[in-house]
């Protein structure tokens, strides 16, 4: 992944847009990463994967509910409070 500082990215934005068609570009400011620019196609792929993962997690939770594989909220909260 190519890394640019914010001022370089700003001054050569059209070049950055061409580069992100090949691979993501990391943007830093004051030496700290602040953004990653990706192509529209890659962004859509990332969003698709996130949605698929979320749907699978929801389905897993629904399956647990259907089979009674759940814990009462009071037990869960008690265990969480013990970890604090």
N, C-alpha and C. Protein backbone atom coordinates (compact mmCIF):
# COMPACT_ATOMS: atom_id res chain seq x y z
N UNK A 1 0.86 -1.17 0.00
CA UNK A 1 0.00 0.00 0.00
C UNK A 1 0.90 1.23 0.00
N UNK A 2 0.60 2.12 -0.88
CA UNK A 2 1.37 3.36 -0.93
C UNK A 2 0.93 4.28 0.20
N UNK A 3 1.89 5.02 0.74
CA UNK A 3 1.60 5.94 1.84
C UNK A 3 1.99 7.34 1.41
N UNK A 4 1.07 8.28 1.65
CA UNK A 4 1.32 9.68 1.33
C UNK A 4 0.95 10.54 2.53
N UNK A 5 1.60 11.69 2.62
CA UNK A 5 1.14 12.62 3.65
C UNK A 5 -0.01 13.43 3.03
N UNK A 6 -0.79 14.06 3.87
CA UNK A 6 -2.01 14.73 3.43
C UNK A 6 -1.74 15.83 2.40
N UNK A 7 -0.69 16.60 2.59
CA UNK A 7 -0.43 17.68 1.64
C UNK A 7 -0.03 17.15 0.27
N UNK A 8 0.74 16.06 0.23
CA UNK A 8 1.08 15.45 -1.07
C UNK A 8 -0.17 14.88 -1.74
N UNK A 9 -1.02 14.24 -0.96
CA UNK A 9 -2.25 13.68 -1.51
C UNK A 9 -3.14 14.78 -2.07
N UNK A 10 -3.20 15.89 -1.36
CA UNK A 10 -4.03 17.00 -1.80
C UNK A 10 -3.49 17.62 -3.08
N UNK A 11 -2.19 17.81 -3.15
CA UNK A 11 -1.61 18.47 -4.32
C UNK A 11 -1.62 17.58 -5.56
N UNK A 12 -1.70 16.28 -5.37
CA UNK A 12 -1.72 15.37 -6.53
C UNK A 12 -2.93 14.44 -6.47
N UNK A 13 -4.09 15.03 -6.16
CA UNK A 13 -5.29 14.23 -5.95
C UNK A 13 -5.68 13.41 -7.17
N UNK A 14 -5.55 13.96 -8.37
CA UNK A 14 -5.91 13.20 -9.57
C UNK A 14 -5.01 11.97 -9.71
N UNK A 15 -3.75 12.11 -9.35
CA UNK A 15 -2.83 10.97 -9.39
C UNK A 15 -3.24 9.94 -8.34
N UNK A 16 -3.63 10.40 -7.16
CA UNK A 16 -4.09 9.49 -6.10
C UNK A 16 -5.30 8.71 -6.59
N UNK A 17 -6.24 9.37 -7.26
CA UNK A 17 -7.43 8.69 -7.77
C UNK A 17 -7.06 7.59 -8.75
N UNK A 18 -6.05 7.82 -9.56
CA UNK A 18 -5.60 6.77 -10.49
C UNK A 18 -4.94 5.63 -9.73
N UNK A 19 -4.14 5.94 -8.69
CA UNK A 19 -3.44 4.92 -7.94
C UNK A 19 -4.39 4.00 -7.18
N UNK A 20 -5.48 4.55 -6.66
CA UNK A 20 -6.39 3.72 -5.86
C UNK A 20 -7.15 2.71 -6.71
N UNK A 21 -7.10 2.87 -8.02
CA UNK A 21 -7.70 1.86 -8.89
C UNK A 21 -6.89 0.57 -8.87
N UNK A 22 -5.61 0.67 -8.48
CA UNK A 22 -4.73 -0.49 -8.40
C UNK A 22 -4.64 -1.06 -6.99
N UNK A 23 -4.51 -0.17 -5.99
CA UNK A 23 -4.43 -0.60 -4.60
C UNK A 23 -4.74 0.58 -3.69
N UNK A 24 -5.13 0.30 -2.45
CA UNK A 24 -5.45 1.39 -1.51
C UNK A 24 -4.24 2.31 -1.28
N UNK A 25 -4.54 3.55 -0.92
CA UNK A 25 -3.51 4.53 -0.61
C UNK A 25 -3.77 5.04 0.81
N UNK A 26 -2.74 4.97 1.64
CA UNK A 26 -2.84 5.43 3.03
C UNK A 26 -2.44 6.90 3.09
N UNK A 27 -3.20 7.68 3.83
CA UNK A 27 -2.93 9.12 3.99
C UNK A 27 -2.60 9.37 5.45
N UNK A 28 -1.51 10.08 5.68
CA UNK A 28 -1.12 10.42 7.06
C UNK A 28 -1.03 11.92 7.21
N UNK A 29 -1.16 12.35 8.45
CA UNK A 29 -1.04 13.77 8.78
C UNK A 29 -0.22 13.85 10.07
N UNK A 30 0.82 14.64 10.03
CA UNK A 30 1.75 14.74 11.15
C UNK A 30 2.31 13.36 11.54
N UNK A 31 2.54 12.52 10.52
CA UNK A 31 3.12 11.21 10.75
C UNK A 31 2.16 10.15 11.25
N UNK A 32 0.88 10.49 11.41
CA UNK A 32 -0.11 9.53 11.92
C UNK A 32 -1.12 9.20 10.83
N UNK A 33 -1.45 7.93 10.66
CA UNK A 33 -2.44 7.56 9.63
C UNK A 33 -3.81 8.14 9.97
N UNK A 34 -4.46 8.75 8.97
CA UNK A 34 -5.78 9.34 9.19
C UNK A 34 -6.84 8.80 8.24
N UNK A 35 -6.41 8.19 7.12
CA UNK A 35 -7.40 7.70 6.15
C UNK A 35 -6.73 6.70 5.22
N UNK A 36 -7.60 5.90 4.62
CA UNK A 36 -7.17 5.03 3.53
C UNK A 36 -8.18 5.23 2.41
N UNK A 37 -7.68 5.52 1.23
CA UNK A 37 -8.55 5.72 0.07
C UNK A 37 -8.54 4.42 -0.75
N UNK A 38 -9.75 3.95 -1.07
CA UNK A 38 -9.89 2.74 -1.88
C UNK A 38 -10.77 3.05 -3.09
N UNK A 39 -10.70 2.20 -4.10
CA UNK A 39 -11.55 2.38 -5.27
C UNK A 39 -13.00 2.13 -4.89
N UNK A 40 -13.91 2.60 -5.71
CA UNK A 40 -15.34 2.39 -5.47
C UNK A 40 -15.67 0.90 -5.50
N UNK A 41 -15.04 0.16 -6.38
CA UNK A 41 -15.29 -1.28 -6.48
C UNK A 41 -14.84 -1.97 -5.20
N UNK A 42 -13.65 -1.63 -4.71
CA UNK A 42 -13.16 -2.26 -3.48
C UNK A 42 -14.05 -1.89 -2.29
N UNK A 43 -14.51 -0.65 -2.23
CA UNK A 43 -15.41 -0.23 -1.16
C UNK A 43 -16.70 -1.06 -1.19
N UNK A 44 -17.26 -1.26 -2.38
CA UNK A 44 -18.48 -2.06 -2.50
C UNK A 44 -18.23 -3.49 -2.03
N UNK A 45 -17.07 -4.04 -2.36
CA UNK A 45 -16.72 -5.40 -1.92
C UNK A 45 -16.62 -5.47 -0.40
N UNK A 46 -16.00 -4.47 0.20
CA UNK A 46 -15.87 -4.43 1.66
C UNK A 46 -17.26 -4.36 2.31
N UNK A 47 -18.12 -3.51 1.79
CA UNK A 47 -19.47 -3.37 2.33
C UNK A 47 -20.26 -4.67 2.18
N UNK A 48 -20.10 -5.35 1.05
CA UNK A 48 -20.78 -6.63 0.82
C UNK A 48 -20.34 -7.66 1.86
N UNK A 49 -19.03 -7.73 2.10
CA UNK A 49 -18.50 -8.68 3.07
C UNK A 49 -19.02 -8.35 4.47
N UNK A 50 -19.04 -7.06 4.83
CA UNK A 50 -19.55 -6.66 6.14
C UNK A 50 -21.02 -7.05 6.30
N UNK A 51 -21.82 -6.82 5.27
CA UNK A 51 -23.24 -7.17 5.34
C UNK A 51 -23.42 -8.68 5.46
N UNK A 52 -22.63 -9.45 4.71
CA UNK A 52 -22.73 -10.91 4.77
C UNK A 52 -22.36 -11.41 6.16
N UNK A 53 -21.30 -10.83 6.74
CA UNK A 53 -20.89 -11.21 8.09
C UNK A 53 -21.99 -10.87 9.11
N UNK A 54 -22.56 -9.67 9.00
CA UNK A 54 -23.61 -9.26 9.92
C UNK A 54 -24.83 -10.17 9.80
N UNK A 55 -25.23 -10.49 8.58
CA UNK A 55 -26.38 -11.38 8.39
C UNK A 55 -26.10 -12.76 9.00
N UNK A 56 -24.87 -13.25 8.83
CA UNK A 56 -24.52 -14.55 9.41
C UNK A 56 -24.55 -14.50 10.93
N UNK A 57 -24.07 -13.41 11.51
CA UNK A 57 -24.07 -13.26 12.97
C UNK A 57 -25.50 -13.18 13.50
N UNK A 58 -26.35 -12.45 12.80
CA UNK A 58 -27.77 -12.36 13.20
C UNK A 58 -28.42 -13.74 13.11
N UNK A 59 -28.15 -14.46 12.03
CA UNK A 59 -28.74 -15.79 11.87
C UNK A 59 -28.26 -16.73 12.96
N UNK A 60 -26.98 -16.64 13.32
CA UNK A 60 -26.45 -17.47 14.41
C UNK A 60 -27.18 -17.16 15.71
N UNK A 61 -27.42 -15.88 15.98
CA UNK A 61 -28.16 -15.50 17.18
C UNK A 61 -29.59 -16.00 17.15
N UNK A 62 -30.21 -15.91 15.99
CA UNK A 62 -31.59 -16.41 15.86
C UNK A 62 -31.64 -17.92 16.06
N UNK A 63 -30.65 -18.63 15.54
CA UNK A 63 -30.59 -20.09 15.73
C UNK A 63 -30.40 -20.43 17.21
N UNK A 64 -29.55 -19.66 17.89
CA UNK A 64 -29.36 -19.88 19.33
C UNK A 64 -30.66 -19.66 20.09
N UNK A 65 -31.39 -18.61 19.73
CA UNK A 65 -32.68 -18.36 20.37
C UNK A 65 -33.65 -19.51 20.12
N UNK A 66 -33.70 -19.98 18.89
CA UNK A 66 -34.63 -21.05 18.53
C UNK A 66 -34.33 -22.35 19.26
N UNK A 67 -33.06 -22.61 19.53
CA UNK A 67 -32.69 -23.86 20.21
C UNK A 67 -32.58 -23.69 21.72
N UNK A 68 -32.83 -22.48 22.21
CA UNK A 68 -32.76 -22.24 23.65
C UNK A 68 -31.34 -22.12 24.18
N UNK A 69 -30.41 -21.91 23.30
CA UNK A 69 -29.00 -21.78 23.68
C UNK A 69 -28.72 -20.32 24.06
N UNK A 70 -29.32 -19.89 25.17
CA UNK A 70 -29.20 -18.50 25.61
C UNK A 70 -28.98 -18.46 27.12
N UNK A 71 -28.47 -17.34 27.60
CA UNK A 71 -28.27 -17.11 29.03
C UNK A 71 -29.16 -15.96 29.47
N UNK A 72 -29.68 -16.01 30.68
CA UNK A 72 -30.45 -14.88 31.19
C UNK A 72 -29.57 -13.63 31.26
N UNK A 73 -30.17 -12.50 30.99
CA UNK A 73 -29.43 -11.25 31.01
C UNK A 73 -28.73 -10.99 32.32
N UNK A 74 -29.34 -11.37 33.43
CA UNK A 74 -28.74 -11.12 34.74
C UNK A 74 -27.40 -11.86 34.88
N UNK A 75 -27.30 -13.07 34.35
CA UNK A 75 -26.04 -13.82 34.42
C UNK A 75 -24.98 -13.14 33.56
N UNK A 76 -25.37 -12.73 32.38
CA UNK A 76 -24.43 -12.07 31.47
C UNK A 76 -23.91 -10.78 32.11
N UNK A 77 -24.79 -9.97 32.65
CA UNK A 77 -24.37 -8.71 33.27
C UNK A 77 -23.51 -8.95 34.51
N UNK A 78 -23.85 -9.96 35.29
CA UNK A 78 -23.01 -10.29 36.48
C UNK A 78 -21.61 -10.65 36.04
N UNK A 79 -21.47 -11.46 34.99
CA UNK A 79 -20.15 -11.86 34.50
C UNK A 79 -19.39 -10.66 33.95
N UNK A 80 -20.09 -9.79 33.26
CA UNK A 80 -19.44 -8.58 32.73
C UNK A 80 -18.95 -7.67 33.86
N UNK A 81 -19.75 -7.53 34.89
CA UNK A 81 -19.36 -6.68 36.01
C UNK A 81 -18.16 -7.25 36.76
N UNK A 82 -18.01 -8.56 36.79
CA UNK A 82 -16.87 -9.17 37.45
C UNK A 82 -15.57 -8.90 36.67
N UNK A 83 -15.69 -8.64 35.40
CA UNK A 83 -14.51 -8.38 34.57
C UNK A 83 -14.02 -6.94 34.68
N UNK A 84 -14.86 -6.07 35.21
CA UNK A 84 -14.49 -4.65 35.31
C UNK A 84 -13.57 -4.41 36.46
